[in-house]
Amino acid sequence: MGMEDYAVVLDFLPHGHPEDERPIYKKEPLILALGEKFLTLMEIVPKPGVEFKPHDRIYIGKDDRDKIKYIKRRISYKDLSSAAKSELPFVIDKLVTKNESHFVEFFNKAGAISTRLHSLELIPGIGKKLMWEILDERRKKPFESFEDIANRIKALPDPKKLIVKRIIIELEEEDVRFGKAKYKLFVSPPPSRRGR
């Protein structure tokens, strides 16, 4: 699995994380961000004197980073500031819109997880009946867009909203090992790049 190349800023903390108990002179500015490709939550340390605002897109790949000093660590939902948590749904919505074809492809290719559970059923609001309707429709012709899904599956007026909701569930319940939350459809963290 590859690394994140770009991330979207959720919150910029010029004086470090408020829960960091070290003296102020030991704290460094911190960016709380969401990786674009693997939807990884992370703390990033910017270069001195550079400021950010929510929704800024930043380059964090292997090549020269003009604004980023290093990626500090991968974090979980509970490590986010309240401002970052409130921005998260909007940032995810933008990323889902930007990568619509990837998420539509999920509706076209999703398969069974076990004999009793289909991956489509992990999407909030999709039960057995709706799952069968989606499977029947995609057999006739692959879905082309969220709009196409909504037009052909009347009980799914806003498939994008359900995808966003599922991503949030996966991020919030990252540490859950049992039940439907243990399955990851969209959030697949890359290997740690601590201190890079």
C-alpha atoms as a PDB file:
ATOM      1  CA  MET A   1       0.000   0.000   0.000  1.00  0.00           C
ATOM      2  CA  GLY A   2       1.282   3.466  -0.874  1.00  0.00           C
ATOM      3  CA  MET A   3       1.660   6.624   1.155  1.00  0.00           C
ATOM      4  CA  GLU A   4      -0.476   9.736   1.215  1.00  0.00           C
ATOM      5  CA  ASP A   5       0.706  12.466  -1.179  1.00  0.00           C
ATOM      6  CA  TYR A   6      -1.804  15.137  -0.225  1.00  0.00           C
ATOM      7  CA  ALA A   7      -3.791  15.978   2.883  1.00  0.00           C
ATOM      8  CA  VAL A   8      -6.549  18.455   3.663  1.00  0.00           C
ATOM      9  CA  VAL A   9      -6.254  20.662   6.737  1.00  0.00           C
ATOM     10  CA  LEU A  10      -8.950  20.133   9.381  1.00  0.00           C
ATOM     11  CA  ASP A  11      -7.454  22.492  11.969  1.00  0.00           C
ATOM     12  CA  PHE A  12      -4.279  24.538  12.444  1.00  0.00           C
ATOM     13  CA  LEU A  13      -2.974  24.839  15.996  1.00  0.00           C
ATOM     14  CA  PRO A  14      -0.267  27.554  15.990  1.00  0.00           C
ATOM     15  CA  HIS A  15       0.626  26.824  19.646  1.00  0.00           C
ATOM     16  CA  GLY A  16       0.430  23.019  19.464  1.00  0.00           C
ATOM     17  CA  HIS A  17      -2.289  20.713  20.738  1.00  0.00           C
ATOM     18  CA  PRO A  18      -4.159  22.139  23.773  1.00  0.00           C
ATOM     19  CA  GLU A  19      -3.862  18.772  25.551  1.00  0.00           C
ATOM     20  CA  ASP A  20      -0.067  18.769  25.171  1.00  0.00           C
ATOM     21  CA  GLU A  21       1.127  19.417  28.733  1.00  0.00           C
ATOM     22  CA  ARG A  22       4.685  20.382  27.834  1.00  0.00           C
ATOM     23  CA  PRO A  23       5.792  23.995  28.434  1.00  0.00           C
ATOM     24  CA  ILE A  24       4.805  26.413  25.645  1.00  0.00           C
ATOM     25  CA  TYR A  25       8.406  26.840  24.453  1.00  0.00           C
ATOM     26  CA  LYS A  26       8.613  23.086  23.755  1.00  0.00           C
ATOM     27  CA  LYS A  27       5.410  22.994  21.704  1.00  0.00           C
ATOM     28  CA  GLU A  28       5.445  23.396  17.943  1.00  0.00           C
ATOM     29  CA  PRO A  29       2.654  24.434  15.567  1.00  0.00           C
ATOM     30  CA  LEU A  30       0.498  21.515  14.493  1.00  0.00           C
ATOM     31  CA  ILE A  31      -1.788  20.723  11.588  1.00  0.00           C
ATOM     32  CA  LEU A  32      -4.599  18.196  12.066  1.00  0.00           C
ATOM     33  CA  ALA A  33      -5.301  16.788   8.611  1.00  0.00           C
ATOM     34  CA  LEU A  34      -7.031  14.065   6.601  1.00  0.00           C
ATOM     35  CA  GLY A  35      -5.116  12.259   3.870  1.00  0.00           C
ATOM     36  CA  GLU A  36      -6.832  12.464   0.490  1.00  0.00           C
ATOM     37  CA  LYS A  37      -6.270   8.928  -0.760  1.00  0.00           C
ATOM     38  CA  PHE A  38      -6.381   6.645   2.290  1.00  0.00           C
ATOM     39  CA  LEU A  39      -8.444   8.987   4.510  1.00  0.00           C
ATOM     40  CA  THR A  40      -5.794   8.831   7.218  1.00  0.00           C
ATOM     41  CA  LEU A  41      -6.047  11.226  10.158  1.00  0.00           C
ATOM     42  CA  MET A  42      -2.664  12.694  11.038  1.00  0.00           C
ATOM     43  CA  GLU A  43      -0.702  15.350  12.876  1.00  0.00           C
ATOM     44  CA  ILE A  44       1.678  17.311  10.668  1.00  0.00           C
ATOM     45  CA  VAL A  45       4.313  19.831  11.713  1.00  0.00           C
ATOM     46  CA  PRO A  46       4.596  22.810   9.348  1.00  0.00           C
ATOM     47  CA  LYS A  47       7.776  24.686   8.531  1.00  0.00           C
ATOM     48  CA  PRO A  48       8.335  27.768  10.740  1.00  0.00           C
ATOM     49  CA  GLY A  49       6.271  30.840   9.888  1.00  0.00           C
ATOM     50  CA  VAL A  50       3.790  29.002   7.633  1.00  0.00           C
ATOM     51  CA  GLU A  51       0.103  29.230   8.563  1.00  0.00           C
ATOM     52  CA  PHE A  52      -2.861  27.227   7.351  1.00  0.00           C
ATOM     53  CA  LYS A  53      -6.619  27.360   7.413  1.00  0.00           C
ATOM     54  CA  PRO A  54      -9.199  24.561   7.280  1.00  0.00           C
ATOM     55  CA  HIS A  55      -9.697  22.989   3.837  1.00  0.00           C
ATOM     56  CA  ASP A  56      -6.193  23.986   2.615  1.00  0.00           C
ATOM     57  CA  ARG A  57      -4.711  21.206   0.483  1.00  0.00           C
ATOM     58  CA  ILE A  58      -1.107  20.435   1.401  1.00  0.00           C
ATOM     59  CA  TYR A  59       1.549  18.305  -0.257  1.00  0.00           C
ATOM     60  CA  ILE A  60       3.011  15.668   2.092  1.00  0.00           C
ATOM     61  CA  GLY A  61       4.561  13.273  -0.445  1.00  0.00           C
ATOM     62  CA  LYS A  62       8.165  12.085  -0.711  1.00  0.00           C
ATOM     63  CA  ASP A  63       9.462  14.968  -2.825  1.00  0.00           C
ATOM     64  CA  ASP A  64      10.395  18.433  -1.566  1.00  0.00           C
ATOM     65  CA  ARG A  65       7.740  19.774   0.763  1.00  0.00           C
ATOM     66  CA  ASP A  66       7.737  23.557   0.647  1.00  0.00           C
ATOM     67  CA  LYS A  67       5.460  24.100   3.674  1.00  0.00           C
ATOM     68  CA  ILE A  68       5.729  20.898   5.706  1.00  0.00           C
ATOM     69  CA  LYS A  69       8.533  19.998   8.110  1.00  0.00           C
ATOM     70  CA  TYR A  70       7.401  16.417   8.815  1.00  0.00           C
ATOM     71  CA  ILE A  71       4.455  14.142   9.480  1.00  0.00           C
ATOM     72  CA  LYS A  72       4.397  13.673  13.239  1.00  0.00           C
ATOM     73  CA  ARG A  73       2.076  10.692  13.592  1.00  0.00           C
ATOM     74  CA  ARG A  74      -1.105   8.987  12.553  1.00  0.00           C
ATOM     75  CA  ILE A  75      -3.930   9.821  14.942  1.00  0.00           C
ATOM     76  CA  SER A  76      -7.426   8.588  15.694  1.00  0.00           C
ATOM     77  CA  TYR A  77     -10.693  10.491  15.746  1.00  0.00           C
ATOM     78  CA  LYS A  78     -10.497  11.040  19.512  1.00  0.00           C
ATOM     79  CA  ASP A  79      -7.192  12.954  19.034  1.00  0.00           C
ATOM     80  CA  LEU A  80      -8.873  15.612  16.885  1.00  0.00           C
ATOM     81  CA  SER A  81      -9.693  19.064  18.244  1.00  0.00           C
ATOM     82  CA  SER A  82     -13.376  19.994  18.385  1.00  0.00           C
ATOM     83  CA  ALA A  83     -12.820  22.391  15.449  1.00  0.00           C
ATOM     84  CA  ALA A  84     -11.253  19.555  13.405  1.00  0.00           C
ATOM     85  CA  LYS A  85     -14.188  17.254  14.243  1.00  0.00           C
ATOM     86  CA  SER A  86     -16.651  19.880  13.050  1.00  0.00           C
ATOM     87  CA  GLU A  87     -14.753  20.367   9.751  1.00  0.00           C
ATOM     88  CA  LEU A  88     -14.352  16.642   9.078  1.00  0.00           C
ATOM     89  CA  PRO A  89     -17.778  15.980   7.435  1.00  0.00           C
ATOM     90  CA  PHE A  90     -17.304  18.936   5.059  1.00  0.00           C
ATOM     91  CA  VAL A  91     -13.795  17.845   4.077  1.00  0.00           C
ATOM     92  CA  ILE A  92     -14.947  14.244   3.526  1.00  0.00           C
ATOM     93  CA  ASP A  93     -17.887  15.491   1.450  1.00  0.00           C
ATOM     94  CA  LYS A  94     -15.471  17.428  -0.788  1.00  0.00           C
ATOM     95  CA  LEU A  95     -13.150  14.434  -1.180  1.00  0.00           C
ATOM     96  CA  VAL A  96     -16.037  12.093  -2.015  1.00  0.00           C
ATOM     97  CA  THR A  97     -17.324  14.583  -4.616  1.00  0.00           C
ATOM     98  CA  LYS A  98     -13.821  14.959  -6.081  1.00  0.00           C
ATOM     99  CA  ASN A  99     -13.387  11.154  -6.313  1.00  0.00           C
ATOM    100  CA  GLU A 100     -16.961  10.314  -7.283  1.00  0.00           C
ATOM    101  CA  SER A 101     -15.969   7.652  -9.843  1.00  0.00           C
ATOM    102  CA  HIS A 102     -14.021   5.726  -7.173  1.00  0.00           C
ATOM    103  CA  PHE A 103     -17.047   5.606  -4.848  1.00  0.00           C
ATOM    104  CA  VAL A 104     -19.520   4.840  -7.654  1.00  0.00           C
ATOM    105  CA  GLU A 105     -17.227   1.929  -8.551  1.00  0.00           C
ATOM    106  CA  PHE A 106     -17.799   0.620  -5.029  1.00  0.00           C
ATOM    107  CA  PHE A 107     -21.529   0.326  -5.813  1.00  0.00           C
ATOM    108  CA  ASN A 108     -20.614  -1.516  -9.040  1.00  0.00           C
ATOM    109  CA  LYS A 109     -18.054  -3.929  -7.590  1.00  0.00           C
ATOM    110  CA  ALA A 110     -18.896  -4.432  -3.886  1.00  0.00           C
ATOM    111  CA  GLY A 111     -19.067  -8.095  -2.954  1.00  0.00           C
ATOM    112  CA  ALA A 112     -20.051 -10.364  -0.092  1.00  0.00           C
ATOM    113  CA  ILE A 113     -17.988 -10.278   3.100  1.00  0.00           C
ATOM    114  CA  SER A 114     -19.441 -13.545   4.394  1.00  0.00           C
ATOM    115  CA  THR A 115     -22.420 -15.790   3.671  1.00  0.00           C
ATOM    116  CA  ARG A 116     -24.553 -13.511   5.859  1.00  0.00           C
ATOM    117  CA  LEU A 117     -23.133 -10.067   5.152  1.00  0.00           C
ATOM    118  CA  HIS A 118     -22.615  -8.085   1.953  1.00  0.00           C
ATOM    119  CA  SER A 119     -20.330  -5.046   1.934  1.00  0.00           C
ATOM    120  CA  LEU A 120     -23.207  -2.912   0.591  1.00  0.00           C
ATOM    121  CA  GLU A 121     -24.998  -3.547   3.898  1.00  0.00           C
ATOM    122  CA  LEU A 122     -22.224  -1.667   5.714  1.00  0.00           C
ATOM    123  CA  ILE A 123     -23.455   1.549   4.110  1.00  0.00           C
ATOM    124  CA  PRO A 124     -25.882   3.263   6.527  1.00  0.00           C
ATOM    125  CA  GLY A 125     -29.472   2.817   5.391  1.00  0.00           C
ATOM    126  CA  ILE A 126     -28.829  -0.189   3.128  1.00  0.00           C
ATOM    127  CA  GLY A 127     -30.433  -3.426   4.275  1.00  0.00           C
ATOM    128  CA  LYS A 128     -31.002  -6.751   2.499  1.00  0.00           C
ATOM    129  CA  LYS A 129     -33.890  -5.523   0.333  1.00  0.00           C
ATOM    130  CA  LEU A 130     -32.013  -2.461  -0.923  1.00  0.00           C
ATOM    131  CA  MET A 131     -28.841  -4.487  -1.395  1.00  0.00           C
ATOM    132  CA  TRP A 132     -30.664  -6.891  -3.741  1.00  0.00           C
ATOM    133  CA  GLU A 133     -32.150  -3.976  -5.665  1.00  0.00           C
ATOM    134  CA  ILE A 134     -28.651  -2.461  -6.154  1.00  0.00           C
ATOM    135  CA  LEU A 135     -27.234  -5.838  -7.254  1.00  0.00           C
ATOM    136  CA  ASP A 136     -30.090  -6.330  -9.755  1.00  0.00           C
ATOM    137  CA  GLU A 137     -29.646  -2.832 -11.191  1.00  0.00           C
ATOM    138  CA  ARG A 138     -25.871  -3.071 -11.584  1.00  0.00           C
ATOM    139  CA  ARG A 139     -26.267  -6.409 -13.413  1.00  0.00           C
ATOM    140  CA  LYS A 140     -28.364  -4.613 -16.027  1.00  0.00           C
ATOM    141  CA  LYS A 141     -25.839  -1.813 -16.429  1.00  0.00           C
ATOM    142  CA  PRO A 142     -23.019  -0.449 -14.219  1.00  0.00           C
ATOM    143  CA  PHE A 143     -23.790   2.754 -12.363  1.00  0.00           C
ATOM    144  CA  GLU A 144     -22.163   5.845 -13.873  1.00  0.00           C
ATOM    145  CA  SER A 145     -22.572   8.484 -11.147  1.00  0.00           C
ATOM    146  CA  PHE A 146     -24.222   9.224  -7.820  1.00  0.00           C
ATOM    147  CA  GLU A 147     -27.057  10.784  -9.791  1.00  0.00           C
ATOM    148  CA  ASP A 148     -27.443   7.600 -11.831  1.00  0.00           C
ATOM    149  CA  ILE A 149     -27.644   5.531  -8.616  1.00  0.00           C
ATOM    150  CA  ALA A 150     -30.246   7.917  -7.152  1.00  0.00           C
ATOM    151  CA  ASN A 151     -32.344   7.803 -10.351  1.00  0.00           C
ATOM    152  CA  ARG A 152     -32.290   4.006 -10.592  1.00  0.00           C
ATOM    153  CA  ILE A 153     -32.577   3.171  -6.870  1.00  0.00           C
ATOM    154  CA  LYS A 154     -35.442   5.356  -5.668  1.00  0.00           C
ATOM    155  CA  ALA A 155     -34.905   4.444  -1.998  1.00  0.00           C
ATOM    156  CA  LEU A 156     -31.353   5.916  -2.227  1.00  0.00           C
ATOM    157  CA  PRO A 157     -31.944   9.609  -3.011  1.00  0.00           C
ATOM    158  CA  ASP A 158     -28.458  10.689  -1.853  1.00  0.00           C
ATOM    159  CA  PRO A 159     -25.848   7.909  -2.125  1.00  0.00           C
ATOM    160  CA  LYS A 160     -22.974  10.393  -1.641  1.00  0.00           C
ATOM    161  CA  LYS A 161     -24.330  11.381   1.778  1.00  0.00           C
ATOM    162  CA  LEU A 162     -24.387   7.708   2.839  1.00  0.00           C
ATOM    163  CA  ILE A 163     -20.761   7.210   1.721  1.00  0.00           C
ATOM    164  CA  VAL A 164     -19.711  10.293   3.735  1.00  0.00           C
ATOM    165  CA  LYS A 165     -21.596   8.902   6.746  1.00  0.00           C
ATOM    166  CA  ARG A 166     -19.850   5.509   6.407  1.00  0.00           C
ATOM    167  CA  ILE A 167     -16.388   7.136   6.214  1.00  0.00           C
ATOM    168  CA  ILE A 168     -17.126   9.101   9.395  1.00  0.00           C
ATOM    169  CA  ILE A 169     -18.262   5.890  11.135  1.00  0.00           C
ATOM    170  CA  GLU A 170     -15.012   4.172  10.091  1.00  0.00           C
ATOM    171  CA  LEU A 171     -12.921   7.071  11.392  1.00  0.00           C
ATOM    172  CA  GLU A 172     -14.869   7.448  14.655  1.00  0.00           C
ATOM    173  CA  GLU A 173     -14.927   3.749  15.437  1.00  0.00           C
ATOM    174  CA  GLU A 174     -11.377   3.075  14.325  1.00  0.00           C
ATOM    175  CA  ASP A 175     -10.564   1.013  17.398  1.00  0.00           C
ATOM    176  CA  VAL A 176     -13.688  -1.146  17.341  1.00  0.00           C
ATOM    177  CA  ARG A 177     -12.805  -4.770  16.611  1.00  0.00           C
ATOM    178  CA  PHE A 178     -16.260  -6.304  16.530  1.00  0.00           C
ATOM    179  CA  GLY A 179     -19.522  -5.811  14.691  1.00  0.00           C
ATOM    180  CA  LYS A 180     -19.922  -3.978  11.402  1.00  0.00           C
ATOM    181  CA  ALA A 181     -17.472  -1.244  12.437  1.00  0.00           C
ATOM    182  CA  LYS A 182     -14.521  -3.638  12.201  1.00  0.00           C
ATOM    183  CA  TYR A 183     -14.850  -3.740   8.403  1.00  0.00           C
ATOM    184  CA  LYS A 184     -13.099  -0.964   6.515  1.00  0.00           C
ATOM    185  CA  LEU A 185     -14.553  -0.089   3.131  1.00  0.00           C
ATOM    186  CA  PHE A 186     -12.885   3.258   2.565  1.00  0.00           C
ATOM    187  CA  VAL A 187     -10.519   4.108   5.417  1.00  0.00           C
ATOM    188  CA  SER A 188      -7.313   2.172   4.896  1.00  0.00           C
ATOM    189  CA  PRO A 189      -4.399   3.815   6.678  1.00  0.00           C
ATOM    190  CA  PRO A 190      -1.011   3.602   4.971  1.00  0.00           C
ATOM    191  CA  PRO A 191       2.078   2.516   6.901  1.00  0.00           C
ATOM    192  CA  SER A 192       3.240   4.966   9.546  1.00  0.00           C
ATOM    193  CA  ARG A 193       5.652   7.685   8.421  1.00  0.00           C
ATOM    194  CA  ARG A 194       6.536   8.884  11.877  1.00  0.00           C
ATOM    195  CA  GLY A 195       9.218  11.559  11.893  1.00  0.00           C
ATOM    196  CA  ARG A 196       9.648  11.668   8.115  1.00  0.00           C
END
